[in-house]
């Protein structure tokens, strides 16, 4: 089996004698660990093509060890989403190219089929179903994931997003507070913070949203996208001079296309605003 960023696969069958039954068990454990090593770096580095390529190398290694390891398909499902992301909301169908979401859904369902008792498989399936706005089935898999692994970060995280995407501000806020308590990996806290800011936007709480965006920068000062998110907020509130500062900080770390184009827009809008102010200013006797 070979997985690529283009999601092309070929399957090769290997036959082993009964004497390798014990080794096969050990290989299965190795495959699980290798698949985990692929999944979490993809999630933590969604804008890094280098991390995605490295993840697919690990996925193929895991497939060589045990092609029926369910976590492999959960990792491929996530990798498919990340590889096909364009720009915008990660939980909006229009954000992804072509058949990306449908392909990711198929891999997630395969993961559940291979191991119905793997909570992570149900959680990944719920992720894709939320993107497709299939909230009823998503809730079923969130509940299953929580029942299988009640201390896991992911059922709580996707339950929070499930509420967020349906406009349930109070419920989403409460759930994300609980999600933060279950954070187990360094990038989990940033994931929660991003969605808490999104909930604040849905609820019309601009002050809270700004506070959370600033917290995101403090939590991950090396992330160009944290500065970009705050800059985009400042743009929307007409604070162009402040936005310019944040876009420039983002570009200094990583000049991603949106930051570059929005910096020029911010400068343009600021110049237009200053021109209007100058024209509207009443003449006085002052020099």
Protein backbone atom coordinates (compact mmCIF):
# COMPACT_ATOMS: atom_id res chain seq x y z
CA UNK A 1 0.00 0.00 0.00
CA UNK A 2 1.27 3.44 -0.88
CA UNK A 3 -0.33 6.71 0.13
CA UNK A 4 0.68 9.99 -1.45
CA UNK A 5 -0.39 13.58 -1.08
CA UNK A 6 -2.44 13.01 -4.20
CA UNK A 7 -3.99 10.13 -2.29
CA UNK A 8 -3.06 7.55 -4.89
CA UNK A 9 -2.80 4.06 -3.47
CA UNK A 10 -1.52 0.73 -4.60
CA UNK A 11 -1.83 -2.37 -2.50
CA UNK A 12 0.76 -5.07 -2.33
CA UNK A 13 0.01 -8.31 -0.54
CA UNK A 14 2.64 -10.14 1.49
CA UNK A 15 2.21 -13.70 2.70
CA UNK A 16 3.84 -14.85 5.89
CA UNK A 17 3.99 -18.32 7.44
CA UNK A 18 2.51 -19.23 10.79
CA UNK A 19 5.93 -18.89 12.42
CA UNK A 20 5.63 -15.12 12.08
CA UNK A 21 2.37 -14.77 13.98
CA UNK A 22 4.14 -13.30 17.02
CA UNK A 23 6.16 -10.95 14.83
CA UNK A 24 2.96 -9.83 13.13
CA UNK A 25 1.56 -8.82 16.50
CA UNK A 26 4.66 -6.77 17.21
CA UNK A 27 4.50 -5.23 13.74
CA UNK A 28 0.89 -4.24 14.37
CA UNK A 29 1.97 -2.33 17.47
CA UNK A 30 4.74 -0.65 15.49
CA UNK A 31 2.23 0.32 12.80
CA UNK A 32 -0.04 1.95 15.37
CA UNK A 33 2.82 3.99 16.81
CA UNK A 34 4.05 5.04 13.37
CA UNK A 35 0.55 6.13 12.34
CA UNK A 36 0.31 8.22 15.51
CA UNK A 37 3.65 9.81 14.61
CA UNK A 38 2.07 10.84 11.31
CA UNK A 39 -1.32 12.10 12.53
CA UNK A 40 -0.36 14.55 15.26
CA UNK A 41 2.38 16.44 13.34
CA UNK A 42 -0.06 16.94 10.45
CA UNK A 43 -2.56 18.46 12.86
CA UNK A 44 0.05 20.62 14.60
CA UNK A 45 1.54 21.93 11.32
CA UNK A 46 -1.37 22.28 8.92
CA UNK A 47 0.39 24.91 6.78
CA UNK A 48 3.66 22.99 6.44
CA UNK A 49 4.02 20.94 3.27
CA UNK A 50 7.29 19.53 4.61
CA UNK A 51 5.52 18.08 7.65
CA UNK A 52 2.77 16.70 5.44
CA UNK A 53 5.29 14.97 3.18
CA UNK A 54 7.09 13.53 6.20
CA UNK A 55 3.75 12.31 7.56
CA UNK A 56 3.03 10.43 4.34
CA UNK A 57 6.43 8.77 4.59
CA UNK A 58 5.47 7.54 8.06
CA UNK A 59 2.00 6.50 6.85
CA UNK A 60 3.55 4.34 4.15
CA UNK A 61 5.92 2.81 6.69
CA UNK A 62 2.96 2.00 8.93
CA UNK A 63 1.11 0.48 5.97
CA UNK A 64 4.10 -1.74 5.24
CA UNK A 65 4.00 -2.91 8.85
CA UNK A 66 0.24 -3.57 8.95
CA UNK A 67 -2.04 -2.43 6.17
CA UNK A 68 -5.14 -3.07 8.33
CA UNK A 69 -4.16 -0.65 11.08
CA UNK A 70 -7.18 1.64 11.47
CA UNK A 71 -5.18 4.65 12.64
CA UNK A 72 -3.43 4.74 9.26
CA UNK A 73 -6.73 5.62 7.61
CA UNK A 74 -7.52 8.25 10.23
CA UNK A 75 -4.14 9.84 9.44
CA UNK A 76 -4.75 9.67 5.68
CA UNK A 77 -8.18 11.23 6.19
CA UNK A 78 -6.64 14.18 8.01
CA UNK A 79 -3.78 14.42 5.52
CA UNK A 80 -6.26 14.48 2.66
CA UNK A 81 -8.07 17.46 4.21
CA UNK A 82 -4.85 19.34 4.90
CA UNK A 83 -3.45 18.64 1.43
CA UNK A 84 -6.65 19.84 -0.25
CA UNK A 85 -7.19 22.97 1.85
CA UNK A 86 -7.40 26.25 -0.04
CA UNK A 87 -8.18 29.19 2.25
CA UNK A 88 -10.87 29.96 4.79
CA UNK A 89 -12.76 28.06 7.45
CA UNK A 90 -11.40 24.57 8.08
CA UNK A 91 -14.95 23.39 8.78
CA UNK A 92 -16.59 24.71 5.62
CA UNK A 93 -17.08 22.45 2.61
CA UNK A 94 -16.25 25.25 0.14
CA UNK A 95 -12.78 25.61 1.63
CA UNK A 96 -11.57 22.37 0.05
CA UNK A 97 -10.82 21.53 -3.56
CA UNK A 98 -12.61 18.95 -5.71
CA UNK A 99 -13.44 15.64 -4.05
CA UNK A 100 -11.12 16.22 -1.07
CA UNK A 101 -13.81 16.08 1.61
CA UNK A 102 -15.50 13.05 0.04
CA UNK A 103 -12.14 11.27 -0.11
CA UNK A 104 -11.36 12.18 3.51
CA UNK A 105 -14.78 10.87 4.51
CA UNK A 106 -14.09 7.54 2.82
CA UNK A 107 -10.80 7.10 4.66
CA UNK A 108 -12.38 7.99 8.00
CA UNK A 109 -15.17 5.47 7.44
CA UNK A 110 -12.55 2.86 6.56
CA UNK A 111 -10.80 3.55 9.87
CA UNK A 112 -14.04 2.98 11.79
CA UNK A 113 -14.78 -0.15 9.77
CA UNK A 114 -11.36 -1.63 10.55
CA UNK A 115 -11.61 -0.89 14.27
CA UNK A 116 -15.05 0.16 15.59
CA UNK A 117 -13.54 0.41 19.06
CA UNK A 118 -10.95 3.02 18.15
CA UNK A 119 -12.15 6.31 19.58
CA UNK A 120 -9.76 8.31 17.39
CA UNK A 121 -11.37 6.85 14.26
CA UNK A 122 -14.84 7.97 15.37
CA UNK A 123 -13.44 11.41 16.25
CA UNK A 124 -11.83 11.83 12.82
CA UNK A 125 -15.06 10.73 11.14
CA UNK A 126 -16.95 13.31 13.21
CA UNK A 127 -14.47 15.98 12.04
CA UNK A 128 -15.25 15.30 8.38
CA UNK A 129 -19.00 15.04 8.99
CA UNK A 130 -18.97 18.48 10.62
CA UNK A 131 -17.27 19.88 7.51
CA UNK A 132 -20.14 18.37 5.51
CA UNK A 133 -22.68 19.80 8.01
CA UNK A 134 -23.98 16.31 8.72
CA UNK A 135 -24.49 17.17 12.37
CA UNK A 136 -26.76 14.30 13.39
CA UNK A 137 -24.32 11.59 12.36
CA UNK A 138 -21.38 13.64 13.62
CA UNK A 139 -22.97 13.75 17.09
CA UNK A 140 -23.30 9.97 17.07
CA UNK A 141 -19.59 9.48 16.42
CA UNK A 142 -18.59 12.14 18.95
CA UNK A 143 -20.64 10.28 21.56
CA UNK A 144 -19.05 6.98 20.53
CA UNK A 145 -15.55 8.44 20.72
CA UNK A 146 -16.29 9.85 24.17
CA UNK A 147 -17.66 6.51 25.39
CA UNK A 148 -14.57 4.67 24.12
CA UNK A 149 -12.05 7.22 25.40
CA UNK A 150 -13.68 9.56 27.93
CA UNK A 151 -10.42 11.31 28.85
CA UNK A 152 -9.43 12.08 25.26
CA UNK A 153 -9.15 15.65 24.04
CA UNK A 154 -10.83 14.98 20.71
CA UNK A 155 -14.47 14.14 21.58
CA UNK A 156 -14.68 17.33 23.60
CA UNK A 157 -12.93 19.34 20.91
CA UNK A 158 -15.22 18.21 18.12
CA UNK A 159 -18.28 18.60 20.34
CA UNK A 160 -17.26 22.22 20.83
CA UNK A 161 -16.91 22.71 17.08
CA UNK A 162 -20.22 20.89 16.58
CA UNK A 163 -21.89 23.55 18.77
CA UNK A 164 -19.90 26.41 17.22
CA UNK A 165 -20.91 25.60 13.66
CA UNK A 166 -24.58 25.56 14.67
CA UNK A 167 -24.38 28.90 16.46
CA UNK A 168 -24.73 27.48 19.99
CA UNK A 169 -22.57 30.12 21.68
CA UNK A 170 -23.17 29.21 25.34
CA UNK A 171 -22.83 25.48 24.74
CA UNK A 172 -19.70 25.91 22.62
CA UNK A 173 -18.10 28.17 25.23
CA UNK A 174 -18.79 25.66 28.00
CA UNK A 175 -17.53 22.73 25.93
CA UNK A 176 -14.30 24.45 24.89
CA UNK A 177 -13.61 25.30 28.53
CA UNK A 178 -13.91 21.57 29.26
CA UNK A 179 -11.84 20.75 26.19
CA UNK A 180 -8.94 22.82 27.46
CA UNK A 181 -8.80 20.64 30.57
CA UNK A 182 -8.26 17.60 28.35
CA UNK A 183 -5.45 19.15 26.29
CA UNK A 184 -2.61 16.62 26.15
CA UNK A 185 -0.29 17.89 23.41
CA UNK A 186 1.40 21.29 23.01
CA UNK A 187 -0.70 22.29 19.99
CA UNK A 188 -4.04 21.41 21.62
CA UNK A 189 -4.29 24.67 23.57
CA UNK A 190 -3.80 26.72 20.41
CA UNK A 191 -6.47 24.68 18.62
CA UNK A 192 -8.94 25.43 21.40
CA UNK A 193 -8.03 29.12 21.50
CA UNK A 194 -8.68 29.52 17.78
CA UNK A 195 -12.19 28.16 18.16
CA UNK A 196 -12.93 30.14 21.31
CA UNK A 197 -12.12 33.26 19.27
CA UNK A 198 -14.43 32.02 16.53
CA UNK A 199 -17.24 31.51 19.06
CA UNK A 200 -16.67 35.06 20.34
CA UNK A 201 -17.11 36.25 16.76
CA UNK A 202 -20.35 34.28 16.38
CA UNK A 203 -21.57 35.78 19.65
CA UNK A 204 -20.66 39.32 18.59
CA UNK A 205 -18.19 39.79 21.45
CA UNK A 206 -15.41 41.78 19.76
CA UNK A 207 -13.57 42.57 23.00
CA UNK A 208 -13.32 38.91 23.97
CA UNK A 209 -12.31 37.95 20.45
CA UNK A 210 -9.47 40.48 20.47
CA UNK A 211 -8.32 39.24 23.86
CA UNK A 212 -8.24 35.64 22.65
CA UNK A 213 -6.37 36.57 19.47
CA UNK A 214 -3.72 38.30 21.57
CA UNK A 215 -3.53 35.22 23.78
CA UNK A 216 -2.96 33.16 20.65
CA UNK A 217 0.10 35.26 19.80
CA UNK A 218 1.41 34.96 23.35
CA UNK A 219 0.88 31.20 23.28
CA UNK A 220 2.57 30.75 19.90
CA UNK A 221 4.76 33.79 19.14
CA UNK A 222 6.58 31.95 16.35
CA UNK A 223 3.37 31.46 14.35
CA UNK A 224 2.94 33.84 11.44
CA UNK A 225 -0.71 32.81 11.27
CA UNK A 226 -1.39 33.92 14.85
CA UNK A 227 -0.28 37.44 13.90
CA UNK A 228 -2.25 37.12 10.66
CA UNK A 229 -5.45 36.23 12.50
CA UNK A 230 -5.10 39.28 14.72
CA UNK A 231 -4.25 41.48 11.74
CA UNK A 232 -7.38 40.30 9.93
CA UNK A 233 -9.47 41.21 12.99
CA UNK A 234 -7.92 44.69 13.06
CA UNK A 235 -8.65 45.12 9.36
CA UNK A 236 -12.32 44.31 9.95
CA UNK A 237 -12.54 46.92 12.68
CA UNK A 238 -10.90 49.61 10.55
CA UNK A 239 -7.71 49.75 12.62
CA UNK A 240 -5.44 49.74 9.60
CA UNK A 241 -2.29 51.15 11.16
CA UNK A 242 -2.34 48.44 13.85
CA UNK A 243 -3.13 45.85 11.20
CA UNK A 244 -0.06 46.89 9.20
CA UNK A 245 2.14 46.25 12.22
CA UNK A 246 0.70 42.75 12.70
CA UNK A 247 0.88 41.84 8.99
CA UNK A 248 4.52 42.92 8.95
CA UNK A 249 5.24 40.72 11.98
CA UNK A 250 3.56 37.80 10.24
CA UNK A 251 5.55 38.34 7.04
CA UNK A 252 8.80 38.58 8.98
CA UNK A 253 8.18 35.03 10.23
CA UNK A 254 6.70 33.55 7.05
CA UNK A 255 5.57 35.61 4.03
CA UNK A 256 2.46 33.62 3.23
CA UNK A 257 0.43 35.01 0.29
CA UNK A 258 -2.56 36.30 2.24
CA UNK A 259 -0.34 38.31 4.59
CA UNK A 260 1.50 39.89 1.69
CA UNK A 261 -1.67 40.87 -0.18
CA UNK A 262 -3.50 42.07 2.93
CA UNK A 263 -0.56 44.22 4.00
CA UNK A 264 -0.82 46.13 0.72
CA UNK A 265 -4.59 46.50 1.19
CA UNK A 266 -4.10 47.77 4.73
CA UNK A 267 -1.65 50.39 3.48
CA UNK A 268 -4.07 51.38 0.72
CA UNK A 269 -7.01 51.69 3.12
CA UNK A 270 -4.93 53.69 5.58
CA UNK A 271 -3.85 56.11 2.86
CA UNK A 272 -7.46 56.53 1.69
CA UNK A 273 -8.59 57.12 5.26
CA UNK A 274 -5.88 59.72 5.85
CA UNK A 275 -6.80 61.49 2.60
CA UNK A 276 -10.48 61.65 3.59
CA UNK A 277 -9.55 62.96 7.03
CA UNK A 278 -7.32 65.64 5.53
CA UNK A 279 -10.04 66.72 3.09
CA UNK A 280 -12.65 66.83 5.81
CA UNK A 281 -10.48 68.80 8.24
CA UNK A 282 -11.73 72.41 8.51
CA UNK A 283 -9.28 75.13 7.60
CA UNK A 284 -7.95 77.20 10.45
CA UNK A 285 -5.58 80.08 10.83
CA UNK A 286 -2.89 77.73 12.10
CA UNK A 287 0.18 77.34 9.91
